[in-house]
């Protein structure tokens, strides 16, 4: 053990430090190895996969397999399904954040009868996931003509009791003096919201965006019900449709290439917003 003179933090040295790093490396390898196998399978031919042993080094068919994956598919090209998933994930994540911010702002900063009751009614919806209310939700979407549309993929899923609760808790930690000072300066409520609360909520928004984007990207059951047009399929649906049924033969290199392509957008979002995401989760000043 040693204490850093600059930070005052206790640092581990010696065998304990090496064992910690070794454990982390082994854990990363266990997690990464299946992804590496999927990548290798996406760069070889079908015969190399079905005939053991499975190769552990990439083959020479990378461009061929990925080009075939992007332009082909069971019902729609993979590129189209990737676009549909991106639109759905962005719509759900941004919609949830906007609605939750406004809902939390109204509950915390506006005085109206029953505001606490309304908050707990919103919170109680956590007990009613999409799977429980899927039949009435589908009926409402169908009556509004939202089948086979981006609005049908997005709007029924954009309400979020969890995000509303988190923003409410954060807004309640903001000193009342800020709101009083803004009121004295003549700032109207929405000016206070945009100029003060939103900048202060930046790390919270980033953390929620990452979580909600992955949530929207991985949706399967709702897109399966709301879409019958193959051109509206999402990438998760597409991967499921590529798996063989009965005596059909699977094109495993294309399936693996599609799986790798499906991982790239959420991984890119996590990496791109990593610093804000971590600060939003652990920042003690929020």
C-alpha atoms as a PDB file:
ATOM      1  CA  UNK A   1       0.000   0.000   0.000  1.00  0.00           C
ATOM      2  CA  UNK A   2       1.133   3.569  -0.712  1.00  0.00           C
ATOM      3  CA  UNK A   3      -0.501   6.987  -0.484  1.00  0.00           C
ATOM      4  CA  UNK A   4      -0.329   9.271  -3.524  1.00  0.00           C
ATOM      5  CA  UNK A   5       0.983  12.695  -2.438  1.00  0.00           C
ATOM      6  CA  UNK A   6      -1.093  14.568  -5.032  1.00  0.00           C
ATOM      7  CA  UNK A   7      -4.456  12.830  -4.704  1.00  0.00           C
ATOM      8  CA  UNK A   8      -4.236  11.424  -1.184  1.00  0.00           C
ATOM      9  CA  UNK A   9      -5.623   8.137  -2.502  1.00  0.00           C
ATOM     10  CA  UNK A  10      -4.376   4.769  -1.364  1.00  0.00           C
ATOM     11  CA  UNK A  11      -2.638   2.869  -4.150  1.00  0.00           C
ATOM     12  CA  UNK A  12      -2.054  -0.869  -4.315  1.00  0.00           C
ATOM     13  CA  UNK A  13       1.416  -2.038  -5.182  1.00  0.00           C
ATOM     14  CA  UNK A  14       3.222  -5.331  -5.420  1.00  0.00           C
ATOM     15  CA  UNK A  15       1.532  -8.718  -5.716  1.00  0.00           C
ATOM     16  CA  UNK A  16      -1.949  -7.382  -4.959  1.00  0.00           C
ATOM     17  CA  UNK A  17      -1.806  -4.982  -7.912  1.00  0.00           C
ATOM     18  CA  UNK A  18      -0.626  -7.684 -10.311  1.00  0.00           C
ATOM     19  CA  UNK A  19      -3.296 -10.139  -9.141  1.00  0.00           C
ATOM     20  CA  UNK A  20      -5.978  -7.479  -9.613  1.00  0.00           C
ATOM     21  CA  UNK A  21      -4.848  -6.788 -13.168  1.00  0.00           C
ATOM     22  CA  UNK A  22      -4.558 -10.499 -13.916  1.00  0.00           C
ATOM     23  CA  UNK A  23      -8.125 -11.077 -12.743  1.00  0.00           C
ATOM     24  CA  UNK A  24      -9.367  -8.197 -14.902  1.00  0.00           C
ATOM     25  CA  UNK A  25      -7.510  -9.502 -17.961  1.00  0.00           C
ATOM     26  CA  UNK A  26      -8.910 -13.021 -17.511  1.00  0.00           C
ATOM     27  CA  UNK A  27     -12.430 -11.612 -17.133  1.00  0.00           C
ATOM     28  CA  UNK A  28     -12.061  -9.520 -20.296  1.00  0.00           C
ATOM     29  CA  UNK A  29     -10.797 -12.544 -22.227  1.00  0.00           C
ATOM     30  CA  UNK A  30     -13.774 -14.651 -21.112  1.00  0.00           C
ATOM     31  CA  UNK A  31     -16.158 -11.924 -22.293  1.00  0.00           C
ATOM     32  CA  UNK A  32     -14.304 -11.096 -25.511  1.00  0.00           C
ATOM     33  CA  UNK A  33     -13.611 -14.650 -26.722  1.00  0.00           C
ATOM     34  CA  UNK A  34     -17.169 -15.385 -28.026  1.00  0.00           C
ATOM     35  CA  UNK A  35     -17.154 -12.023 -29.840  1.00  0.00           C
ATOM     36  CA  UNK A  36     -13.783 -12.887 -31.388  1.00  0.00           C
ATOM     37  CA  UNK A  37     -15.151 -16.266 -32.553  1.00  0.00           C
ATOM     38  CA  UNK A  38     -18.136 -14.507 -34.131  1.00  0.00           C
ATOM     39  CA  UNK A  39     -15.796 -12.099 -35.936  1.00  0.00           C
ATOM     40  CA  UNK A  40     -13.583 -14.940 -37.173  1.00  0.00           C
ATOM     41  CA  UNK A  41     -16.664 -16.834 -38.377  1.00  0.00           C
ATOM     42  CA  UNK A  42     -17.733 -13.740 -40.321  1.00  0.00           C
ATOM     43  CA  UNK A  43     -14.480 -13.726 -42.310  1.00  0.00           C
ATOM     44  CA  UNK A  44     -14.298 -17.368 -43.435  1.00  0.00           C
ATOM     45  CA  UNK A  45     -16.319 -19.661 -45.672  1.00  0.00           C
ATOM     46  CA  UNK A  46     -19.211 -21.869 -44.650  1.00  0.00           C
ATOM     47  CA  UNK A  47     -17.079 -25.029 -44.903  1.00  0.00           C
ATOM     48  CA  UNK A  48     -14.528 -23.641 -42.444  1.00  0.00           C
ATOM     49  CA  UNK A  49     -17.257 -23.263 -39.803  1.00  0.00           C
ATOM     50  CA  UNK A  50     -19.133 -26.538 -40.210  1.00  0.00           C
ATOM     51  CA  UNK A  51     -15.964 -28.622 -40.477  1.00  0.00           C
ATOM     52  CA  UNK A  52     -14.085 -28.804 -37.144  1.00  0.00           C
ATOM     53  CA  UNK A  53     -11.876 -27.501 -35.761  1.00  0.00           C
ATOM     54  CA  UNK A  54     -13.186 -23.946 -35.806  1.00  0.00           C
ATOM     55  CA  UNK A  55     -10.472 -21.526 -37.012  1.00  0.00           C
ATOM     56  CA  UNK A  56      -9.250 -18.987 -34.464  1.00  0.00           C
ATOM     57  CA  UNK A  57      -7.701 -16.537 -36.941  1.00  0.00           C
ATOM     58  CA  UNK A  58      -9.608 -14.328 -39.433  1.00  0.00           C
ATOM     59  CA  UNK A  59      -9.987 -15.584 -42.982  1.00  0.00           C
ATOM     60  CA  UNK A  60      -9.802 -13.798 -46.293  1.00  0.00           C
ATOM     61  CA  UNK A  61     -13.532 -13.336 -46.990  1.00  0.00           C
ATOM     62  CA  UNK A  62     -14.160 -10.239 -44.852  1.00  0.00           C
ATOM     63  CA  UNK A  63     -15.312  -7.915 -47.640  1.00  0.00           C
ATOM     64  CA  UNK A  64     -17.300 -10.633 -49.386  1.00  0.00           C
ATOM     65  CA  UNK A  65     -19.237 -11.710 -46.297  1.00  0.00           C
ATOM     66  CA  UNK A  66     -19.900  -8.215 -44.957  1.00  0.00           C
ATOM     67  CA  UNK A  67     -20.897  -6.925 -48.379  1.00  0.00           C
ATOM     68  CA  UNK A  68     -23.302  -9.838 -48.755  1.00  0.00           C
ATOM     69  CA  UNK A  69     -24.690  -9.208 -45.252  1.00  0.00           C
ATOM     70  CA  UNK A  70     -25.355  -5.520 -45.916  1.00  0.00           C
ATOM     71  CA  UNK A  71     -27.100  -6.085 -49.224  1.00  0.00           C
ATOM     72  CA  UNK A  72     -28.978  -9.292 -48.462  1.00  0.00           C
ATOM     73  CA  UNK A  73     -31.301 -10.668 -45.830  1.00  0.00           C
ATOM     74  CA  UNK A  74     -34.190 -13.048 -45.397  1.00  0.00           C
ATOM     75  CA  UNK A  75     -36.907 -10.403 -45.849  1.00  0.00           C
ATOM     76  CA  UNK A  76     -34.994  -7.118 -46.095  1.00  0.00           C
ATOM     77  CA  UNK A  77     -31.373  -5.983 -46.573  1.00  0.00           C
ATOM     78  CA  UNK A  78     -29.380  -5.780 -43.351  1.00  0.00           C
ATOM     79  CA  UNK A  79     -28.529  -2.141 -44.107  1.00  0.00           C
ATOM     80  CA  UNK A  80     -32.252  -1.303 -44.062  1.00  0.00           C
ATOM     81  CA  UNK A  81     -32.772  -3.148 -40.792  1.00  0.00           C
ATOM     82  CA  UNK A  82     -29.793  -1.363 -39.216  1.00  0.00           C
ATOM     83  CA  UNK A  83     -31.313   1.967 -40.240  1.00  0.00           C
ATOM     84  CA  UNK A  84     -34.696   1.001 -38.782  1.00  0.00           C
ATOM     85  CA  UNK A  85     -33.075  -0.019 -35.491  1.00  0.00           C
ATOM     86  CA  UNK A  86     -31.094   3.231 -35.349  1.00  0.00           C
ATOM     87  CA  UNK A  87     -34.218   5.329 -35.910  1.00  0.00           C
ATOM     88  CA  UNK A  88     -36.127   3.359 -33.290  1.00  0.00           C
ATOM     89  CA  UNK A  89     -33.328   3.486 -30.703  1.00  0.00           C
ATOM     90  CA  UNK A  90     -32.716   7.218 -31.191  1.00  0.00           C
ATOM     91  CA  UNK A  91     -36.439   7.999 -31.146  1.00  0.00           C
ATOM     92  CA  UNK A  92     -37.052   6.005 -27.972  1.00  0.00           C
ATOM     93  CA  UNK A  93     -34.022   7.350 -26.093  1.00  0.00           C
ATOM     94  CA  UNK A  94     -34.541  11.004 -27.054  1.00  0.00           C
ATOM     95  CA  UNK A  95     -38.314  10.777 -26.560  1.00  0.00           C
ATOM     96  CA  UNK A  96     -37.973   9.228 -23.113  1.00  0.00           C
ATOM     97  CA  UNK A  97     -35.461  11.866 -22.034  1.00  0.00           C
ATOM     98  CA  UNK A  98     -37.510  14.825 -23.290  1.00  0.00           C
ATOM     99  CA  UNK A  99     -40.785  13.624 -21.765  1.00  0.00           C
ATOM    100  CA  UNK A 100     -39.116  12.644 -18.488  1.00  0.00           C
ATOM    101  CA  UNK A 101     -37.309  15.980 -18.179  1.00  0.00           C
ATOM    102  CA  UNK A 102     -40.508  17.951 -18.703  1.00  0.00           C
ATOM    103  CA  UNK A 103     -42.524  15.684 -16.400  1.00  0.00           C
ATOM    104  CA  UNK A 104     -39.964  15.902 -13.594  1.00  0.00           C
ATOM    105  CA  UNK A 105     -39.676  19.678 -14.054  1.00  0.00           C
ATOM    106  CA  UNK A 106     -43.439  20.111 -13.761  1.00  0.00           C
ATOM    107  CA  UNK A 107     -43.700  17.857 -10.692  1.00  0.00           C
ATOM    108  CA  UNK A 108     -40.847  19.557  -8.814  1.00  0.00           C
ATOM    109  CA  UNK A 109     -41.215  23.246  -9.727  1.00  0.00           C
ATOM    110  CA  UNK A 110     -44.943  23.748 -10.299  1.00  0.00           C
ATOM    111  CA  UNK A 111     -47.507  23.780  -7.529  1.00  0.00           C
ATOM    112  CA  UNK A 112     -50.772  22.186  -8.628  1.00  0.00           C
ATOM    113  CA  UNK A 113     -53.340  19.967  -6.898  1.00  0.00           C
ATOM    114  CA  UNK A 114     -52.469  16.285  -6.889  1.00  0.00           C
ATOM    115  CA  UNK A 115     -48.921  16.622  -8.194  1.00  0.00           C
ATOM    116  CA  UNK A 116     -47.643  14.006  -5.728  1.00  0.00           C
ATOM    117  CA  UNK A 117     -50.469  11.680  -6.729  1.00  0.00           C
ATOM    118  CA  UNK A 118     -49.625  12.118 -10.404  1.00  0.00           C
ATOM    119  CA  UNK A 119     -45.966  11.344  -9.722  1.00  0.00           C
ATOM    120  CA  UNK A 120     -46.806   8.109  -7.910  1.00  0.00           C
ATOM    121  CA  UNK A 121     -49.236   7.118 -10.671  1.00  0.00           C
ATOM    122  CA  UNK A 122     -46.366   7.549 -13.132  1.00  0.00           C
ATOM    123  CA  UNK A 123     -44.077   5.585 -10.838  1.00  0.00           C
ATOM    124  CA  UNK A 124     -46.599   2.737 -10.523  1.00  0.00           C
ATOM    125  CA  UNK A 125     -46.372   2.150 -14.285  1.00  0.00           C
ATOM    126  CA  UNK A 126     -43.038   0.444 -13.541  1.00  0.00           C
ATOM    127  CA  UNK A 127     -45.183  -2.503 -12.471  1.00  0.00           C
ATOM    128  CA  UNK A 128     -46.769  -2.654 -15.930  1.00  0.00           C
ATOM    129  CA  UNK A 129     -44.061  -3.468 -18.487  1.00  0.00           C
ATOM    130  CA  UNK A 130     -44.782  -3.596 -22.206  1.00  0.00           C
ATOM    131  CA  UNK A 131     -45.342  -7.363 -22.101  1.00  0.00           C
ATOM    132  CA  UNK A 132     -48.260  -6.930 -19.653  1.00  0.00           C
ATOM    133  CA  UNK A 133     -50.032  -4.111 -21.536  1.00  0.00           C
ATOM    134  CA  UNK A 134     -49.050  -5.216 -25.019  1.00  0.00           C
ATOM    135  CA  UNK A 135     -52.555  -6.094 -26.270  1.00  0.00           C
ATOM    136  CA  UNK A 136     -54.223  -2.735 -25.435  1.00  0.00           C
ATOM    137  CA  UNK A 137     -51.091  -0.882 -26.589  1.00  0.00           C
ATOM    138  CA  UNK A 138     -51.224  -2.703 -29.924  1.00  0.00           C
ATOM    139  CA  UNK A 139     -54.928  -1.919 -30.283  1.00  0.00           C
ATOM    140  CA  UNK A 140     -54.342   1.789 -29.647  1.00  0.00           C
ATOM    141  CA  UNK A 141     -51.437   1.869 -32.115  1.00  0.00           C
ATOM    142  CA  UNK A 142     -53.524   0.084 -34.744  1.00  0.00           C
ATOM    143  CA  UNK A 143     -56.469   2.465 -34.250  1.00  0.00           C
ATOM    144  CA  UNK A 144     -54.150   5.434 -34.785  1.00  0.00           C
ATOM    145  CA  UNK A 145     -52.804   3.888 -37.986  1.00  0.00           C
ATOM    146  CA  UNK A 146     -49.273   3.420 -36.642  1.00  0.00           C
ATOM    147  CA  UNK A 147     -48.686  -0.122 -37.859  1.00  0.00           C
ATOM    148  CA  UNK A 148     -45.620  -0.526 -40.083  1.00  0.00           C
ATOM    149  CA  UNK A 149     -44.347   2.952 -39.260  1.00  0.00           C
ATOM    150  CA  UNK A 150     -41.570   4.565 -37.258  1.00  0.00           C
ATOM    151  CA  UNK A 151     -44.164   6.298 -35.093  1.00  0.00           C
ATOM    152  CA  UNK A 152     -45.584   2.882 -34.155  1.00  0.00           C
ATOM    153  CA  UNK A 153     -42.112   1.621 -33.271  1.00  0.00           C
ATOM    154  CA  UNK A 154     -41.285   4.666 -31.141  1.00  0.00           C
ATOM    155  CA  UNK A 155     -44.278   6.411 -29.561  1.00  0.00           C
ATOM    156  CA  UNK A 156     -45.733   3.514 -27.496  1.00  0.00           C
ATOM    157  CA  UNK A 157     -42.343   3.061 -25.797  1.00  0.00           C
ATOM    158  CA  UNK A 158     -41.244   6.637 -25.066  1.00  0.00           C
ATOM    159  CA  UNK A 159     -42.855   7.056 -21.636  1.00  0.00           C
ATOM    160  CA  UNK A 160     -40.388   6.246 -18.861  1.00  0.00           C
ATOM    161  CA  UNK A 161     -41.251   6.214 -15.172  1.00  0.00           C
ATOM    162  CA  UNK A 162     -37.645   5.362 -14.285  1.00  0.00           C
ATOM    163  CA  UNK A 163     -36.183   8.391 -16.085  1.00  0.00           C
ATOM    164  CA  UNK A 164     -38.891  10.640 -14.633  1.00  0.00           C
ATOM    165  CA  UNK A 165     -38.058   9.414 -11.136  1.00  0.00           C
ATOM    166  CA  UNK A 166     -34.307   9.944 -11.626  1.00  0.00           C
ATOM    167  CA  UNK A 167     -34.728  13.475 -12.989  1.00  0.00           C
ATOM    168  CA  UNK A 168     -37.179  14.317 -10.194  1.00  0.00           C
ATOM    169  CA  UNK A 169     -34.677  13.197  -7.588  1.00  0.00           C
ATOM    170  CA  UNK A 170     -31.940  15.253  -9.231  1.00  0.00           C
ATOM    171  CA  UNK A 171     -34.089  18.388  -9.526  1.00  0.00           C
ATOM    172  CA  UNK A 172     -34.958  18.100  -5.832  1.00  0.00           C
ATOM    173  CA  UNK A 173     -31.233  18.401  -4.998  1.00  0.00           C
ATOM    174  CA  UNK A 174     -30.907  21.692  -6.899  1.00  0.00           C
ATOM    175  CA  UNK A 175     -30.800  24.553  -4.335  1.00  0.00           C
ATOM    176  CA  UNK A 176     -34.000  26.586  -4.147  1.00  0.00           C
ATOM    177  CA  UNK A 177     -31.848  29.721  -4.248  1.00  0.00           C
ATOM    178  CA  UNK A 178     -31.178  29.116  -7.936  1.00  0.00           C
ATOM    179  CA  UNK A 179     -34.875  29.167  -8.760  1.00  0.00           C
ATOM    180  CA  UNK A 180     -35.388  32.252  -6.575  1.00  0.00           C
ATOM    181  CA  UNK A 181     -32.484  34.068  -8.212  1.00  0.00           C
ATOM    182  CA  UNK A 182     -33.807  33.240 -11.672  1.00  0.00           C
ATOM    183  CA  UNK A 183     -37.259  34.478 -10.670  1.00  0.00           C
ATOM    184  CA  UNK A 184     -35.801  37.739  -9.327  1.00  0.00           C
ATOM    185  CA  UNK A 185     -33.891  38.242 -12.583  1.00  0.00           C
ATOM    186  CA  UNK A 186     -37.161  37.941 -14.464  1.00  0.00           C
ATOM    187  CA  UNK A 187     -36.489  34.505 -15.978  1.00  0.00           C
ATOM    188  CA  UNK A 188     -39.675  32.648 -16.836  1.00  0.00           C
ATOM    189  CA  UNK A 189     -39.976  28.942 -15.911  1.00  0.00           C
ATOM    190  CA  UNK A 190     -38.882  27.592 -19.290  1.00  0.00           C
ATOM    191  CA  UNK A 191     -35.938  29.996 -19.380  1.00  0.00           C
ATOM    192  CA  UNK A 192     -34.858  28.623 -15.993  1.00  0.00           C
ATOM    193  CA  UNK A 193     -35.330  25.105 -17.350  1.00  0.00           C
ATOM    194  CA  UNK A 194     -33.232  25.613 -20.495  1.00  0.00           C
ATOM    195  CA  UNK A 195     -30.519  27.898 -19.092  1.00  0.00           C
ATOM    196  CA  UNK A 196     -29.941  26.331 -15.670  1.00  0.00           C
ATOM    197  CA  UNK A 197     -31.480  22.901 -15.211  1.00  0.00           C
ATOM    198  CA  UNK A 198     -30.571  21.401 -18.595  1.00  0.00           C
ATOM    199  CA  UNK A 199     -26.832  22.262 -18.382  1.00  0.00           C
ATOM    200  CA  UNK A 200     -26.738  20.888 -14.846  1.00  0.00           C
ATOM    201  CA  UNK A 201     -28.413  17.670 -16.026  1.00  0.00           C
ATOM    202  CA  UNK A 202     -25.921  17.020 -18.833  1.00  0.00           C
ATOM    203  CA  UNK A 203     -24.190  14.022 -17.255  1.00  0.00           C
ATOM    204  CA  UNK A 204     -27.508  12.503 -16.117  1.00  0.00           C
ATOM    205  CA  UNK A 205     -28.896  12.880 -19.623  1.00  0.00           C
ATOM    206  CA  UNK A 206     -25.795  11.249 -21.123  1.00  0.00           C
ATOM    207  CA  UNK A 207     -25.975   8.268 -18.749  1.00  0.00           C
ATOM    208  CA  UNK A 208     -29.675   7.755 -19.445  1.00  0.00           C
ATOM    209  CA  UNK A 209     -29.179   8.171 -23.200  1.00  0.00           C
ATOM    210  CA  UNK A 210     -26.666   5.315 -23.304  1.00  0.00           C
ATOM    211  CA  UNK A 211     -28.930   3.002 -21.291  1.00  0.00           C
ATOM    212  CA  UNK A 212     -32.079   3.920 -23.227  1.00  0.00           C
ATOM    213  CA  UNK A 213     -30.372   3.676 -26.634  1.00  0.00           C
ATOM    214  CA  UNK A 214     -29.312   0.102 -25.873  1.00  0.00           C
ATOM    215  CA  UNK A 215     -32.825  -0.610 -24.564  1.00  0.00           C
ATOM    216  CA  UNK A 216     -34.370   0.646 -27.812  1.00  0.00           C
ATOM    217  CA  UNK A 217     -31.789  -1.098 -30.009  1.00  0.00           C
ATOM    218  CA  UNK A 218     -32.440  -4.492 -28.399  1.00  0.00           C
ATOM    219  CA  UNK A 219     -36.244  -4.365 -28.656  1.00  0.00           C
ATOM    220  CA  UNK A 220     -37.659  -7.516 -30.226  1.00  0.00           C
ATOM    221  CA  UNK A 221     -41.200  -8.304 -29.085  1.00  0.00           C
ATOM    222  CA  UNK A 222     -42.786  -4.919 -29.845  1.00  0.00           C
ATOM    223  CA  UNK A 223     -41.292  -4.506 -33.368  1.00  0.00           C
ATOM    224  CA  UNK A 224     -42.304  -8.112 -34.080  1.00  0.00           C
ATOM    225  CA  UNK A 225     -45.946  -7.249 -33.346  1.00  0.00           C
ATOM    226  CA  UNK A 226     -46.169  -3.755 -34.781  1.00  0.00           C
ATOM    227  CA  UNK A 227     -44.521  -4.489 -38.157  1.00  0.00           C
ATOM    228  CA  UNK A 228     -45.672  -6.828 -40.894  1.00  0.00           C
ATOM    229  CA  UNK A 229     -43.868  -5.061 -43.732  1.00  0.00           C
ATOM    230  CA  UNK A 230     -40.388  -6.630 -44.145  1.00  0.00           C
ATOM    231  CA  UNK A 231     -38.917  -3.206 -44.955  1.00  0.00           C
ATOM    232  CA  UNK A 232     -39.712  -2.117 -41.363  1.00  0.00           C
ATOM    233  CA  UNK A 233     -37.915  -5.024 -39.699  1.00  0.00           C
ATOM    234  CA  UNK A 234     -35.263  -4.198 -37.107  1.00  0.00           C
ATOM    235  CA  UNK A 235     -31.837  -5.817 -36.952  1.00  0.00           C
ATOM    236  CA  UNK A 236     -32.722  -7.971 -33.925  1.00  0.00           C
ATOM    237  CA  UNK A 237     -35.682  -9.359 -35.852  1.00  0.00           C
ATOM    238  CA  UNK A 238     -33.465  -9.870 -38.895  1.00  0.00           C
ATOM    239  CA  UNK A 239     -30.899 -11.931 -37.016  1.00  0.00           C
ATOM    240  CA  UNK A 240     -33.639 -14.164 -35.611  1.00  0.00           C
ATOM    241  CA  UNK A 241     -35.100 -14.656 -39.100  1.00  0.00           C
ATOM    242  CA  UNK A 242     -31.701 -15.706 -40.486  1.00  0.00           C
ATOM    243  CA  UNK A 243     -31.516 -18.775 -38.275  1.00  0.00           C
ATOM    244  CA  UNK A 244     -32.656 -21.909 -40.106  1.00  0.00           C
ATOM    245  CA  UNK A 245     -35.872 -23.737 -39.448  1.00  0.00           C
ATOM    246  CA  UNK A 246     -36.415 -27.379 -40.258  1.00  0.00           C
ATOM    247  CA  UNK A 247     -34.010 -28.693 -42.886  1.00  0.00           C
ATOM    248  CA  UNK A 248     -32.906 -25.271 -44.112  1.00  0.00           C
ATOM    249  CA  UNK A 249     -29.200 -24.515 -44.234  1.00  0.00           C
ATOM    250  CA  UNK A 250     -27.853 -21.461 -42.432  1.00  0.00           C
ATOM    251  CA  UNK A 251     -25.323 -19.154 -44.072  1.00  0.00           C
ATOM    252  CA  UNK A 252     -23.248 -18.844 -40.900  1.00  0.00           C
ATOM    253  CA  UNK A 253     -20.632 -16.380 -42.203  1.00  0.00           C
ATOM    254  CA  UNK A 254     -23.396 -13.928 -43.169  1.00  0.00           C
ATOM    255  CA  UNK A 255     -25.233 -14.477 -39.876  1.00  0.00           C
ATOM    256  CA  UNK A 256     -22.042 -13.807 -37.911  1.00  0.00           C
ATOM    257  CA  UNK A 257     -21.267 -10.734 -40.042  1.00  0.00           C
ATOM    258  CA  UNK A 258     -24.787  -9.429 -39.363  1.00  0.00           C
ATOM    259  CA  UNK A 259     -24.334 -10.045 -35.629  1.00  0.00           C
ATOM    260  CA  UNK A 260     -21.063  -8.090 -35.599  1.00  0.00           C
ATOM    261  CA  UNK A 261     -22.697  -5.234 -37.537  1.00  0.00           C
ATOM    262  CA  UNK A 262     -25.544  -5.202 -35.011  1.00  0.00           C
ATOM    263  CA  UNK A 263     -23.041  -4.745 -32.154  1.00  0.00           C
ATOM    264  CA  UNK A 264     -21.261  -1.743 -33.658  1.00  0.00           C
ATOM    265  CA  UNK A 265     -23.821   1.088 -33.058  1.00  0.00           C
ATOM    266  CA  UNK A 266     -24.462   0.415 -29.333  1.00  0.00           C
ATOM    267  CA  UNK A 267     -20.753  -0.153 -28.706  1.00  0.00           C
ATOM    268  CA  UNK A 268     -19.955   3.110 -30.522  1.00  0.00           C
ATOM    269  CA  UNK A 269     -22.505   4.971 -28.370  1.00  0.00           C
ATOM    270  CA  UNK A 270     -21.034   3.532 -25.155  1.00  0.00           C
ATOM    271  CA  UNK A 271     -17.453   4.359 -26.171  1.00  0.00           C
ATOM    272  CA  UNK A 272     -18.314   7.812 -27.492  1.00  0.00           C
ATOM    273  CA  UNK A 273     -20.189   8.819 -24.340  1.00  0.00           C
ATOM    274  CA  UNK A 274     -18.103   6.843 -21.860  1.00  0.00           C
ATOM    275  CA  UNK A 275     -16.818   9.784 -19.815  1.00  0.00           C
ATOM    276  CA  UNK A 276     -20.200  11.471 -19.502  1.00  0.00           C
ATOM    277  CA  UNK A 277     -21.855   8.112 -18.818  1.00  0.00           C
ATOM    278  CA  UNK A 278     -19.523   7.326 -15.905  1.00  0.00           C
ATOM    279  CA  UNK A 279     -19.802  10.850 -14.510  1.00  0.00           C
ATOM    280  CA  UNK A 280     -23.579  10.637 -14.690  1.00  0.00           C
ATOM    281  CA  UNK A 281     -23.527   7.448 -12.615  1.00  0.00           C
ATOM    282  CA  UNK A 282     -20.924   8.326  -9.981  1.00  0.00           C
ATOM    283  CA  UNK A 283     -20.682  12.116  -9.858  1.00  0.00           C
ATOM    284  CA  UNK A 284     -21.276  13.037  -6.243  1.00  0.00           C
ATOM    285  CA  UNK A 285     -22.119  16.667  -7.037  1.00  0.00           C
ATOM    286  CA  UNK A 286     -25.145  15.930  -9.199  1.00  0.00           C
END
